[in-house]
Amino acid sequence: MVKPWRSPLAWTFAASLVLLLGVGGWLLTDPATSRSDALKTGGLAGGAIVALYALWLNDRRRRVEERRQDIERQRHELESQRAEQDRERVADERFAKAVELLGHAADQVRVGALHALAGLARNRPSYTQTVLDVLCSYLRRPFSFVRDNDSPDPKEDPEGERELTVRLTAQRLVTDLLPGRDDEGPAYDLDLTGATLEYFDLSGKLVGGLLLRYASLRSSTNFSGCRFKGRVYLTAAGAERGRLLGYFRCRGAIFESHAWFSGTSFAEDADFTQTTFAGKTTFKDAKFAKAADFTDVIVSTEIDLRRTRFEGQTDLRFASLPESVSLYNTRVLSEKDVQLPAGWAREELRDGEERIVAER
């Protein structure tokens, strides 16, 4: 407890009183100053001391309030950090549990684990790339089940049917987690090297890099309207038959970097209409077993068609071609309708085959 004579308020009033009496008494010694003026001037001097004390007291209160607010803010930040750490811990536990359940024998448990991972990525965007990596890893697991029009009754392999259902769920969740083509969000990478995919659909999505080396693309694959910001590799991938006769659709897509289709096998129709290849592009050693449509395709840098084989109806009337085009041993079948850009011609070979060459 502060003693009265040590209180700043007591000292202020004492100083004010002393100043009032001192200034007033000093002025009263002057015959030209009236008593009222002396008291008024002394009162002003004493009041100034009180006013200064009031200002000091107000400033002190302000600083105390600022310190209180700063302490409150720090406490709130600590609580927020603690809550965030708790959420991260819970998210990490959910992630670990979901990954563990992906190895469960029951297909419904695996489907639930996939949805749990996708939900985690939606609630915690920082997990999105990690979750996509896990989903892609699941799709890279060996899978040999195929049921098409010529396959036996699917009831003979129920386990294969159930696993296919899980894999289709994983593919759909991968697509759902990717941003739209024109979104400003991050572009996520997909590593599906050697994966077996059926009805794989990335249409209208924004993708960073895409690795599909040695992948098996069954039924239909759709990249139409997709924008790839990173490098795309389909080296030695195969667009095969699955449940139904499928197609490779890539209409209006944009490849902003490398597009590597070297050695890719297209078992059904391949449609690249109005696609833009802004980076280095190669179809070297690729095989098109059915129709191939490159109408109005834009190639900005260079394209490699060495040893590319077109066995069906083919339209290579690009919208624009760069100066660097490689056509070594690029083959088509003579009985098929083949449309070529200006400056290209067909050179007859043996066994009903023709070679595409650039006219000089």
Protein backbone atom coordinates (compact mmCIF):
# COMPACT_ATOMS: atom_id res chain seq x y z
CA MET A 1 0.00 0.00 0.00
CA VAL A 2 1.38 3.38 -1.04
CA LYS A 3 1.70 5.82 1.86
CA PRO A 4 -0.22 9.09 1.40
CA TRP A 5 2.86 11.32 1.45
CA ARG A 6 4.46 9.15 -1.27
CA SER A 7 1.50 9.36 -3.59
CA PRO A 8 2.11 11.33 -6.84
CA LEU A 9 -1.33 12.89 -6.41
CA ALA A 10 -0.44 14.23 -2.94
CA TRP A 11 2.81 15.66 -4.23
CA THR A 12 0.98 17.21 -7.16
CA PHE A 13 -1.53 18.97 -4.93
CA ALA A 14 1.27 20.08 -2.60
CA ALA A 15 3.29 21.46 -5.50
CA SER A 16 0.19 23.13 -6.89
CA LEU A 17 -0.58 24.73 -3.51
CA VAL A 18 3.01 25.88 -3.04
CA LEU A 19 3.06 27.34 -6.52
CA LEU A 20 -0.29 29.05 -5.93
CA LEU A 21 0.89 30.62 -2.70
CA GLY A 22 4.37 31.40 -4.01
CA VAL A 23 3.29 33.04 -7.26
CA GLY A 24 0.37 34.79 -5.62
CA GLY A 25 2.52 36.07 -2.73
CA TRP A 26 5.24 37.21 -5.08
CA LEU A 27 2.78 39.14 -7.24
CA LEU A 28 1.18 40.76 -4.20
CA THR A 29 4.53 42.38 -3.46
CA ASP A 30 4.10 44.35 -6.64
CA PRO A 31 1.92 47.45 -5.96
CA ALA A 32 0.79 47.49 -9.59
CA THR A 33 -0.83 44.04 -9.30
CA SER A 34 -4.24 43.73 -7.72
CA ARG A 35 -5.08 40.95 -5.29
CA SER A 36 -7.52 39.28 -7.72
CA ASP A 37 -4.92 39.24 -10.49
CA ALA A 38 -2.35 37.77 -8.16
CA LEU A 39 -4.71 35.03 -7.05
CA LYS A 40 -5.78 34.36 -10.65
CA THR A 41 -2.18 34.07 -11.86
CA GLY A 42 -1.24 31.87 -8.91
CA GLY A 43 -4.26 29.69 -9.60
CA LEU A 44 -3.23 29.28 -13.23
CA ALA A 45 0.28 28.27 -12.17
CA GLY A 46 -1.08 25.76 -9.68
CA GLY A 47 -3.61 24.48 -12.22
CA ALA A 48 -0.83 23.91 -14.73
CA ILE A 49 0.81 21.51 -12.29
CA VAL A 50 -2.48 19.63 -11.92
CA ALA A 51 -2.95 19.59 -15.71
CA LEU A 52 0.55 18.17 -16.17
CA TYR A 53 -0.22 15.49 -13.64
CA ALA A 54 -3.46 14.66 -15.46
CA LEU A 55 -1.55 14.36 -18.75
CA TRP A 56 1.05 12.13 -17.15
CA LEU A 57 -1.65 10.00 -15.56
CA ASN A 58 -3.48 9.67 -18.90
CA ASP A 59 -0.26 8.71 -20.67
CA ARG A 60 0.45 6.13 -18.00
CA ARG A 61 -3.00 4.64 -18.40
CA ARG A 62 -2.51 4.52 -22.17
CA ARG A 63 0.79 2.66 -21.82
CA VAL A 64 -0.73 0.24 -19.33
CA GLU A 65 -3.61 -0.40 -21.73
CA GLU A 66 -1.19 -0.94 -24.63
CA ARG A 67 0.81 -3.39 -22.57
CA ARG A 68 -2.38 -5.18 -21.58
CA GLN A 69 -3.47 -5.39 -25.21
CA ASP A 70 -0.01 -6.60 -26.24
CA ILE A 71 -0.09 -9.31 -23.58
CA GLU A 72 -3.61 -10.25 -24.67
CA ARG A 73 -2.48 -10.41 -28.30
CA GLN A 74 0.50 -12.59 -27.40
CA ARG A 75 -1.75 -14.86 -25.39
CA HIS A 76 -4.16 -15.12 -28.32
CA GLU A 77 -1.27 -15.91 -30.69
CA LEU A 78 0.00 -18.60 -28.34
CA GLU A 79 -3.48 -20.10 -28.14
CA SER A 80 -3.77 -19.97 -31.92
CA GLN A 81 -0.38 -21.65 -32.32
CA ARG A 82 -1.35 -24.28 -29.80
CA ALA A 83 -4.64 -24.89 -31.59
CA GLU A 84 -2.84 -25.06 -34.95
CA GLN A 85 -0.34 -27.54 -33.55
CA ASP A 86 -3.23 -29.62 -32.24
CA ARG A 87 -4.90 -29.54 -35.66
CA GLU A 88 -1.63 -30.53 -37.34
CA ARG A 89 -1.18 -33.37 -34.88
CA VAL A 90 -4.71 -34.61 -35.53
CA ALA A 91 -4.19 -34.23 -39.29
CA ASP A 92 -0.93 -36.17 -39.11
CA GLU A 93 -2.65 -38.93 -37.16
CA ARG A 94 -5.52 -39.05 -39.66
CA PHE A 95 -3.05 -39.16 -42.53
CA ALA A 96 -1.01 -41.97 -40.99
CA LYS A 97 -4.14 -43.98 -40.16
CA ALA A 98 -5.59 -43.55 -43.66
CA VAL A 99 -2.31 -44.61 -45.30
CA GLU A 100 -2.21 -47.65 -43.06
CA LEU A 101 -5.76 -48.61 -44.06
CA LEU A 102 -4.87 -48.54 -47.76
CA GLY A 103 -3.30 -51.94 -47.20
CA HIS A 104 -6.48 -53.42 -45.67
CA ALA A 105 -7.88 -56.54 -47.26
CA ALA A 106 -11.46 -55.20 -47.47
CA ASP A 107 -12.11 -53.00 -50.50
CA GLN A 108 -14.66 -50.83 -48.66
CA VAL A 109 -12.03 -49.99 -46.05
CA ARG A 110 -9.58 -48.97 -48.77
CA VAL A 111 -12.24 -46.77 -50.39
CA GLY A 112 -12.91 -45.14 -47.01
CA ALA A 113 -9.19 -44.52 -46.55
CA LEU A 114 -9.00 -42.85 -49.96
CA HIS A 115 -11.90 -40.54 -49.11
CA ALA A 116 -10.31 -39.74 -45.74
CA LEU A 117 -7.12 -38.68 -47.49
CA ALA A 118 -9.04 -36.55 -49.98
CA GLY A 119 -11.01 -34.91 -47.17
CA LEU A 120 -7.77 -34.14 -45.37
CA ALA A 121 -6.39 -32.47 -48.50
CA ARG A 122 -9.53 -30.35 -48.88
CA ASN A 123 -9.42 -29.21 -45.24
CA ARG A 124 -5.64 -28.77 -45.15
CA PRO A 125 -4.42 -27.55 -48.57
CA SER A 126 -0.80 -27.99 -47.47
CA TYR A 127 -1.43 -31.75 -47.61
CA THR A 128 -2.73 -31.75 -51.19
CA GLN A 129 0.53 -32.62 -52.97
CA THR A 130 1.32 -35.28 -50.35
CA VAL A 131 -2.13 -36.84 -50.67
CA LEU A 132 -1.85 -36.81 -54.47
CA ASP A 133 1.50 -38.57 -54.17
CA VAL A 134 -0.10 -41.27 -52.00
CA LEU A 135 -3.05 -41.72 -54.38
CA CYS A 136 -0.66 -41.98 -57.34
CA SER A 137 1.43 -44.46 -55.39
CA TYR A 138 -1.66 -46.62 -54.87
CA LEU A 139 -2.41 -46.50 -58.60
CA ARG A 140 1.16 -47.56 -59.35
CA ARG A 141 0.58 -50.86 -57.54
CA PRO A 142 0.65 -53.88 -59.88
CA PHE A 143 -2.76 -54.59 -61.36
CA SER A 144 -3.39 -57.04 -64.17
CA PHE A 145 -7.17 -57.47 -64.11
CA VAL A 146 -8.81 -56.65 -67.46
CA ARG A 147 -12.45 -57.12 -68.37
CA ASP A 148 -13.54 -56.17 -71.85
CA ASN A 149 -16.12 -57.41 -74.31
CA ASP A 150 -14.20 -60.64 -74.88
CA SER A 151 -13.43 -61.39 -71.23
CA PRO A 152 -15.18 -64.11 -69.25
CA ASP A 153 -17.96 -63.42 -66.80
CA PRO A 154 -16.71 -60.84 -64.25
CA LYS A 155 -18.13 -63.04 -61.46
CA GLU A 156 -15.20 -65.36 -62.06
CA ASP A 157 -12.82 -62.73 -60.63
CA PRO A 158 -14.73 -60.76 -57.96
CA GLU A 159 -11.52 -59.65 -56.26
CA GLY A 160 -10.32 -58.03 -59.48
CA GLU A 161 -13.66 -56.23 -59.84
CA ARG A 162 -13.47 -54.90 -56.29
CA GLU A 163 -9.90 -53.70 -56.72
CA LEU A 164 -10.87 -52.01 -59.99
CA THR A 165 -13.63 -50.14 -58.13
CA VAL A 166 -11.09 -48.93 -55.56
CA ARG A 167 -8.71 -47.80 -58.28
CA LEU A 168 -11.45 -45.92 -60.14
CA THR A 169 -12.24 -44.15 -56.86
CA ALA A 170 -8.57 -43.18 -56.48
CA GLN A 171 -8.50 -41.82 -60.04
CA ARG A 172 -11.63 -39.74 -59.46
CA LEU A 173 -10.25 -38.30 -56.23
CA VAL A 174 -6.99 -37.37 -57.98
CA THR A 175 -9.01 -35.45 -60.57
CA ASP A 176 -11.21 -33.79 -57.94
CA LEU A 177 -8.18 -32.50 -56.01
CA LEU A 178 -6.66 -30.79 -59.05
CA PRO A 179 -7.53 -27.11 -59.66
CA GLY A 180 -9.37 -25.97 -62.76
CA ARG A 181 -7.47 -25.02 -65.89
CA ASP A 182 -7.79 -21.27 -65.33
CA ASP A 183 -7.41 -21.26 -61.54
CA GLU A 184 -4.62 -19.23 -59.96
CA GLY A 185 -3.79 -21.91 -57.40
CA PRO A 186 -0.71 -24.12 -57.38
CA ALA A 187 -0.17 -26.69 -60.12
CA TYR A 188 0.34 -30.13 -58.59
CA ASP A 189 2.57 -32.85 -59.99
CA LEU A 190 1.40 -36.39 -60.74
CA ASP A 191 3.74 -39.37 -60.88
CA LEU A 192 1.92 -42.33 -62.43
CA THR A 193 4.92 -44.13 -63.87
CA GLY A 194 3.94 -47.68 -64.73
CA ALA A 195 0.39 -47.23 -63.42
CA THR A 196 -2.59 -49.10 -64.82
CA LEU A 197 -5.39 -46.61 -65.43
CA GLU A 198 -8.88 -46.99 -66.80
CA TYR A 199 -11.12 -44.12 -67.89
CA PHE A 200 -8.47 -41.66 -66.70
CA ASP A 201 -9.92 -38.17 -67.06
CA LEU A 202 -7.99 -34.93 -66.44
CA SER A 203 -10.11 -32.79 -68.77
CA GLY A 204 -10.25 -29.11 -67.88
CA LYS A 205 -7.68 -29.41 -65.09
CA LEU A 206 -4.46 -27.59 -64.25
CA VAL A 207 -1.53 -29.96 -63.80
CA GLY A 208 2.12 -29.30 -63.01
CA GLY A 209 4.28 -32.14 -64.26
CA LEU A 210 2.86 -35.49 -65.38
CA LEU A 211 4.81 -38.73 -65.48
CA LEU A 212 3.06 -41.57 -67.31
CA ARG A 213 6.11 -43.50 -68.46
CA TYR A 214 5.30 -47.15 -69.23
CA ALA A 215 1.74 -46.62 -68.03
CA SER A 216 -1.15 -48.71 -69.25
CA LEU A 217 -4.02 -46.45 -70.34
CA ARG A 218 -7.10 -48.60 -70.77
CA SER A 219 -10.55 -47.83 -72.15
CA SER A 220 -10.52 -44.04 -72.73
CA THR A 221 -8.11 -41.35 -71.61
CA ASN A 222 -9.17 -37.71 -71.68
CA PHE A 223 -6.78 -34.73 -71.44
CA SER A 224 -9.05 -32.36 -73.37
CA GLY A 225 -8.88 -28.74 -72.20
CA CYS A 226 -6.11 -29.57 -69.75
CA ARG A 227 -3.20 -27.21 -69.10
CA PHE A 228 0.15 -28.75 -68.23
CA LYS A 229 2.59 -26.25 -66.71
CA GLY A 230 5.39 -28.76 -66.18
CA ARG A 231 6.94 -31.49 -68.27
CA VAL A 232 4.74 -34.32 -69.52
CA TYR A 233 6.20 -37.76 -70.22
CA LEU A 234 4.17 -40.60 -71.74
CA THR A 235 7.30 -42.43 -72.86
CA ALA A 236 6.44 -45.99 -73.91
CA ALA A 237 2.95 -45.69 -72.46
CA GLY A 238 0.20 -47.78 -74.02
CA ALA A 239 -3.35 -46.67 -74.71
CA GLU A 240 -4.93 -50.11 -74.60
CA ARG A 241 -8.31 -51.77 -74.60
CA GLY A 242 -10.10 -52.21 -71.32
CA ARG A 243 -13.77 -52.69 -70.60
CA LEU A 244 -14.70 -50.95 -73.83
CA LEU A 245 -12.89 -49.79 -76.92
CA GLY A 246 -11.30 -46.58 -75.78
CA TYR A 247 -9.81 -43.42 -77.20
CA PHE A 248 -7.07 -40.96 -76.37
CA ARG A 249 -8.65 -37.50 -76.35
CA CYS A 250 -6.51 -34.42 -76.02
CA ARG A 251 -8.54 -31.68 -77.70
CA GLY A 252 -7.60 -28.08 -76.93
CA ALA A 253 -4.99 -28.99 -74.34
CA ILE A 254 -1.98 -26.77 -73.63
CA PHE A 255 1.49 -28.19 -73.01
CA GLU A 256 3.60 -25.31 -71.71
CA SER A 257 6.78 -27.35 -71.42
CA HIS A 258 8.15 -30.62 -72.81
CA ALA A 259 5.60 -33.08 -74.21
CA TRP A 260 7.17 -36.50 -74.57
CA PHE A 261 5.17 -39.17 -76.44
CA SER A 262 8.14 -41.16 -77.66
CA GLY A 263 7.32 -44.83 -78.05
CA THR A 264 3.69 -44.34 -76.99
CA SER A 265 1.25 -46.84 -78.44
CA PHE A 266 -2.27 -45.63 -79.30
CA ALA A 267 -4.49 -48.69 -79.82
CA GLU A 268 -7.58 -46.64 -80.68
CA ASP A 269 -8.36 -43.19 -82.09
CA ALA A 270 -6.13 -40.35 -80.89
CA ASP A 271 -7.47 -36.79 -81.08
CA PHE A 272 -5.10 -33.83 -80.58
CA THR A 273 -7.28 -31.27 -82.36
CA GLN A 274 -6.43 -27.62 -81.51
CA THR A 275 -3.85 -28.62 -78.94
CA THR A 276 -0.91 -26.26 -78.27
CA PHE A 277 2.62 -27.57 -77.78
CA ALA A 278 4.65 -24.64 -76.47
CA GLY A 279 7.75 -26.65 -75.57
CA LYS A 280 9.85 -29.31 -77.20
CA THR A 281 7.58 -32.09 -78.47
CA THR A 282 8.32 -35.59 -79.66
CA PHE A 283 6.29 -38.50 -81.03
CA LYS A 284 9.40 -40.42 -82.00
CA ASP A 285 8.70 -44.16 -82.38
CA ALA A 286 5.03 -43.65 -81.46
CA LYS A 287 2.42 -45.89 -83.07
CA PHE A 288 -1.13 -44.86 -84.00
CA ALA A 289 -3.12 -48.04 -84.73
CA LYS A 290 -6.32 -46.18 -85.63
CA ALA A 291 -7.24 -42.61 -86.60
CA ALA A 292 -4.91 -39.76 -85.61
CA ASP A 293 -6.18 -36.18 -85.76
CA PHE A 294 -3.75 -33.24 -85.41
CA THR A 295 -5.99 -30.65 -87.07
CA ASP A 296 -5.15 -27.03 -86.08
CA VAL A 297 -2.42 -28.13 -83.68
CA ILE A 298 0.08 -25.38 -82.78
CA VAL A 299 3.73 -26.33 -82.29
CA SER A 300 5.90 -23.43 -81.11
CA THR A 301 9.43 -24.81 -80.86
CA GLU A 302 10.21 -28.20 -82.42
CA ILE A 303 8.50 -31.51 -83.08
CA ASP A 304 10.07 -34.91 -83.63
CA LEU A 305 8.14 -37.44 -85.74
CA ARG A 306 11.01 -39.79 -86.49
CA ARG A 307 9.87 -43.37 -87.04
CA THR A 308 6.31 -42.45 -86.04
CA ARG A 309 3.83 -44.90 -87.56
CA PHE A 310 0.28 -43.93 -88.58
CA GLU A 311 -1.81 -46.98 -89.50
CA GLY A 312 -5.25 -45.37 -89.70
CA GLN A 313 -6.89 -42.29 -91.12
CA THR A 314 -4.54 -39.42 -90.39
CA ASP A 315 -4.85 -35.64 -90.45
CA LEU A 316 -1.59 -33.76 -89.91
CA ARG A 317 -2.77 -30.34 -91.04
CA PHE A 318 -1.20 -28.39 -88.20
CA ALA A 319 -2.24 -24.78 -87.61
CA SER A 320 1.44 -23.83 -87.36
CA LEU A 321 4.71 -25.67 -87.50
CA PRO A 322 8.18 -24.62 -86.37
CA GLU A 323 11.20 -24.69 -88.62
CA SER A 324 12.57 -27.71 -86.80
CA VAL A 325 10.55 -30.76 -87.82
CA SER A 326 12.05 -34.27 -87.89
CA LEU A 327 10.37 -36.66 -90.35
CA TYR A 328 12.88 -39.48 -90.70
CA ASN A 329 11.09 -42.72 -91.69
CA THR A 330 7.66 -41.40 -90.66
CA ARG A 331 5.22 -43.92 -92.15
CA VAL A 332 1.57 -44.16 -93.16
CA LEU A 333 -0.47 -46.79 -95.00
CA SER A 334 -1.17 -46.09 -98.65
CA GLU A 335 -4.82 -47.24 -98.50
CA LYS A 336 -5.67 -44.82 -95.67
CA ASP A 337 -6.79 -41.22 -96.05
CA VAL A 338 -3.87 -39.03 -95.00
CA GLN A 339 -4.05 -35.23 -94.93
CA LEU A 340 -0.71 -33.40 -94.86
CA PRO A 341 0.28 -29.75 -94.39
CA ALA A 342 1.68 -27.72 -97.24
CA GLY A 343 5.25 -28.67 -98.04
CA TRP A 344 4.89 -32.31 -97.02
CA ALA A 345 4.46 -35.23 -99.42
CA ARG A 346 4.05 -39.02 -99.42
CA GLU A 347 6.77 -41.21 -100.83
CA GLU A 348 5.74 -44.74 -101.81
CA LEU A 349 7.52 -47.72 -100.26
CA ARG A 350 7.03 -51.44 -100.53
CA ASP A 351 4.27 -53.53 -98.87
CA GLY A 352 1.61 -50.83 -99.14
CA GLU A 353 3.41 -48.32 -96.95
CA GLU A 354 4.38 -44.74 -97.62
CA ARG A 355 6.83 -42.38 -96.04
CA ILE A 356 6.15 -38.73 -95.22
CA VAL A 357 8.84 -36.37 -96.46
CA ALA A 358 9.31 -32.63 -96.55
CA GLU A 359 9.36 -31.25 -100.07
CA ARG A 360 12.40 -29.22 -101.06
